[in-house]
Amino acid sequence: MTNYIQVFVSIDNKDNAKILAKKILENKLWACVQLIDGINSFYWWKSNIDESNETLLLIKTKSDLYDNLEKFIKENHSYDIPEIIIMPIVGWNKDYFGWIEENLG
């Protein structure tokens, strides 16, 4: 069985998140993305503590598509260093799994 992952990507706003999500869907790099808007992030940037409002993308895909997904995100993301975090999916219901399989390239 192919390994599946959920990828977390933060981006500067909901409009850019929608654009990125649609581009990646068109390239069949994931089957589903959920957007969580209104994330407040605090972080170090260029020796200062910074704060921003962001949108979080939750992406479900196959682990063997990850390298292409990461490259695509880096090429199309608004940040110099985008946050891209991977977590394994250890299980899900069979109907949802079938739908994921059907919609990934």
C-alpha atoms as a PDB file:
ATOM      1  CA  MET A   1       0.000   0.000   0.000  1.00  0.00           C
ATOM      2  CA  THR A   2       1.232   3.472  -0.828  1.00  0.00           C
ATOM      3  CA  ASN A   3       2.058   5.697   2.129  1.00  0.00           C
ATOM      4  CA  TYR A   4      -0.073   8.779   2.572  1.00  0.00           C
ATOM      5  CA  ILE A   5       0.780  12.054   4.237  1.00  0.00           C
ATOM      6  CA  GLN A   6      -0.821  15.289   5.305  1.00  0.00           C
ATOM      7  CA  VAL A   7       1.224  18.365   4.468  1.00  0.00           C
ATOM      8  CA  PHE A   8       0.809  21.624   6.377  1.00  0.00           C
ATOM      9  CA  VAL A   9       1.650  24.847   4.523  1.00  0.00           C
ATOM     10  CA  SER A  10       1.097  28.368   5.835  1.00  0.00           C
ATOM     11  CA  ILE A  11       0.664  31.297   3.453  1.00  0.00           C
ATOM     12  CA  ASP A  12       0.082  35.029   3.808  1.00  0.00           C
ATOM     13  CA  ASN A  13      -3.659  35.203   3.039  1.00  0.00           C
ATOM     14  CA  LYS A  14      -6.744  33.263   1.978  1.00  0.00           C
ATOM     15  CA  ASP A  15      -6.708  34.538  -1.621  1.00  0.00           C
ATOM     16  CA  ASN A  16      -3.145  33.299  -2.185  1.00  0.00           C
ATOM     17  CA  ALA A  17      -4.038  30.022  -0.454  1.00  0.00           C
ATOM     18  CA  LYS A  18      -6.926  29.493  -2.879  1.00  0.00           C
ATOM     19  CA  ILE A  19      -4.708  30.239  -5.881  1.00  0.00           C
ATOM     20  CA  LEU A  20      -2.012  27.824  -4.682  1.00  0.00           C
ATOM     21  CA  ALA A  21      -4.585  25.118  -3.869  1.00  0.00           C
ATOM     22  CA  LYS A  22      -6.186  25.304  -7.314  1.00  0.00           C
ATOM     23  CA  LYS A  23      -2.816  25.228  -9.104  1.00  0.00           C
ATOM     24  CA  ILE A  24      -1.731  22.131  -7.209  1.00  0.00           C
ATOM     25  CA  LEU A  25      -5.091  20.414  -7.780  1.00  0.00           C
ATOM     26  CA  GLU A  26      -4.758  21.081 -11.511  1.00  0.00           C
ATOM     27  CA  ASN A  27      -1.379  19.303 -11.419  1.00  0.00           C
ATOM     28  CA  LYS A  28      -2.874  16.295  -9.525  1.00  0.00           C
ATOM     29  CA  LEU A  29      -0.361  16.690  -6.682  1.00  0.00           C
ATOM     30  CA  TRP A  30      -3.066  16.238  -4.056  1.00  0.00           C
ATOM     31  CA  ALA A  31      -6.643  15.079  -3.840  1.00  0.00           C
ATOM     32  CA  CYS A  32      -7.895  17.381  -1.100  1.00  0.00           C
ATOM     33  CA  VAL A  33      -6.900  20.604   0.595  1.00  0.00           C
ATOM     34  CA  GLN A  34      -8.579  22.353   3.469  1.00  0.00           C
ATOM     35  CA  LEU A  35      -7.981  26.000   4.314  1.00  0.00           C
ATOM     36  CA  ILE A  36      -7.985  27.305   7.867  1.00  0.00           C
ATOM     37  CA  ASP A  37      -8.029  31.088   7.786  1.00  0.00           C
ATOM     38  CA  GLY A  38      -7.168  33.489  10.598  1.00  0.00           C
ATOM     39  CA  ILE A  39      -4.061  31.769  11.980  1.00  0.00           C
ATOM     40  CA  ASN A  40      -1.965  34.132  14.108  1.00  0.00           C
ATOM     41  CA  SER A  41       1.746  33.364  13.776  1.00  0.00           C
ATOM     42  CA  PHE A  42       4.617  34.705  15.879  1.00  0.00           C
ATOM     43  CA  TYR A  43       8.188  33.997  14.764  1.00  0.00           C
ATOM     44  CA  TRP A  44      11.749  35.228  14.452  1.00  0.00           C
ATOM     45  CA  TRP A  45      12.525  36.901  11.117  1.00  0.00           C
ATOM     46  CA  LYS A  46      15.709  38.849  10.354  1.00  0.00           C
ATOM     47  CA  SER A  47      16.639  39.152  14.066  1.00  0.00           C
ATOM     48  CA  ASN A  48      13.210  40.470  15.086  1.00  0.00           C
ATOM     49  CA  ILE A  49      10.084  38.923  16.517  1.00  0.00           C
ATOM     50  CA  ASP A  50       7.417  39.249  13.852  1.00  0.00           C
ATOM     51  CA  GLU A  51       3.683  38.575  13.786  1.00  0.00           C
ATOM     52  CA  SER A  52       1.329  37.900  10.903  1.00  0.00           C
ATOM     53  CA  ASN A  53      -2.118  36.583  10.079  1.00  0.00           C
ATOM     54  CA  GLU A  54      -1.948  33.569   7.795  1.00  0.00           C
ATOM     55  CA  THR A  55      -4.004  30.838   6.191  1.00  0.00           C
ATOM     56  CA  LEU A  56      -3.054  27.202   6.765  1.00  0.00           C
ATOM     57  CA  LEU A  57      -3.411  24.642   3.983  1.00  0.00           C
ATOM     58  CA  LEU A  58      -3.958  21.005   5.028  1.00  0.00           C
ATOM     59  CA  ILE A  59      -3.013  18.830   2.063  1.00  0.00           C
ATOM     60  CA  LYS A  60      -3.653  15.076   1.703  1.00  0.00           C
ATOM     61  CA  THR A  61      -1.402  13.272  -0.776  1.00  0.00           C
ATOM     62  CA  LYS A  62       0.779  10.233  -1.436  1.00  0.00           C
ATOM     63  CA  SER A  63       4.280  10.299   0.016  1.00  0.00           C
ATOM     64  CA  ASP A  64       5.768   9.516  -3.395  1.00  0.00           C
ATOM     65  CA  LEU A  65       4.254  12.771  -4.746  1.00  0.00           C
ATOM     66  CA  TYR A  66       5.849  14.848  -1.974  1.00  0.00           C
ATOM     67  CA  ASP A  67       9.047  15.875  -3.788  1.00  0.00           C
ATOM     68  CA  ASN A  68       7.048  17.261  -6.723  1.00  0.00           C
ATOM     69  CA  LEU A  69       4.611  18.935  -4.327  1.00  0.00           C
ATOM     70  CA  GLU A  70       7.422  20.584  -2.334  1.00  0.00           C
ATOM     71  CA  LYS A  71       9.110  21.849  -5.513  1.00  0.00           C
ATOM     72  CA  PHE A  72       5.803  23.221  -6.793  1.00  0.00           C
ATOM     73  CA  ILE A  73       5.038  24.970  -3.491  1.00  0.00           C
ATOM     74  CA  LYS A  74       8.484  26.588  -3.366  1.00  0.00           C
ATOM     75  CA  GLU A  75       8.136  27.812  -6.959  1.00  0.00           C
ATOM     76  CA  ASN A  76       4.629  29.236  -6.417  1.00  0.00           C
ATOM     77  CA  HIS A  77       4.650  30.430  -2.791  1.00  0.00           C
ATOM     78  CA  SER A  78       4.782  34.084  -1.750  1.00  0.00           C
ATOM     79  CA  TYR A  79       7.334  33.477   1.049  1.00  0.00           C
ATOM     80  CA  ASP A  80      11.111  33.191   0.670  1.00  0.00           C
ATOM     81  CA  ILE A  81      11.060  30.201   3.032  1.00  0.00           C
ATOM     82  CA  PRO A  82       7.607  28.581   3.119  1.00  0.00           C
ATOM     83  CA  GLU A  83       6.595  26.405   6.049  1.00  0.00           C
ATOM     84  CA  ILE A  84       6.089  22.863   4.748  1.00  0.00           C
ATOM     85  CA  ILE A  85       5.514  20.212   7.429  1.00  0.00           C
ATOM     86  CA  ILE A  86       4.724  16.548   6.730  1.00  0.00           C
ATOM     87  CA  MET A  87       2.824  14.130   8.948  1.00  0.00           C
ATOM     88  CA  PRO A  88       2.002  10.505   8.137  1.00  0.00           C
ATOM     89  CA  ILE A  89      -1.625   9.493   7.825  1.00  0.00           C
ATOM     90  CA  VAL A  90      -1.987   6.331   9.880  1.00  0.00           C
ATOM     91  CA  GLY A  91      -5.564   5.567   8.967  1.00  0.00           C
ATOM     92  CA  TRP A  92      -8.879   6.753   7.543  1.00  0.00           C
ATOM     93  CA  ASN A  93     -12.203   5.304   6.534  1.00  0.00           C
ATOM     94  CA  LYS A  94     -12.238   3.088   3.424  1.00  0.00           C
ATOM     95  CA  ASP A  95     -14.668   5.260   1.452  1.00  0.00           C
ATOM     96  CA  TYR A  96     -12.506   8.355   1.927  1.00  0.00           C
ATOM     97  CA  PHE A  97      -9.382   6.372   1.062  1.00  0.00           C
ATOM     98  CA  GLY A  98     -11.008   5.219  -2.185  1.00  0.00           C
ATOM     99  CA  TRP A  99     -11.882   8.800  -3.064  1.00  0.00           C
ATOM    100  CA  ILE A 100      -8.276   9.916  -2.422  1.00  0.00           C
ATOM    101  CA  GLU A 101      -6.934   7.104  -4.631  1.00  0.00           C
ATOM    102  CA  GLU A 102      -9.355   8.014  -7.398  1.00  0.00           C
ATOM    103  CA  ASN A 103      -8.329  11.680  -7.455  1.00  0.00           C
ATOM    104  CA  LEU A 104      -4.534  11.602  -7.227  1.00  0.00           C
ATOM    105  CA  GLY A 105      -2.305  11.463 -10.278  1.00  0.00           C
END
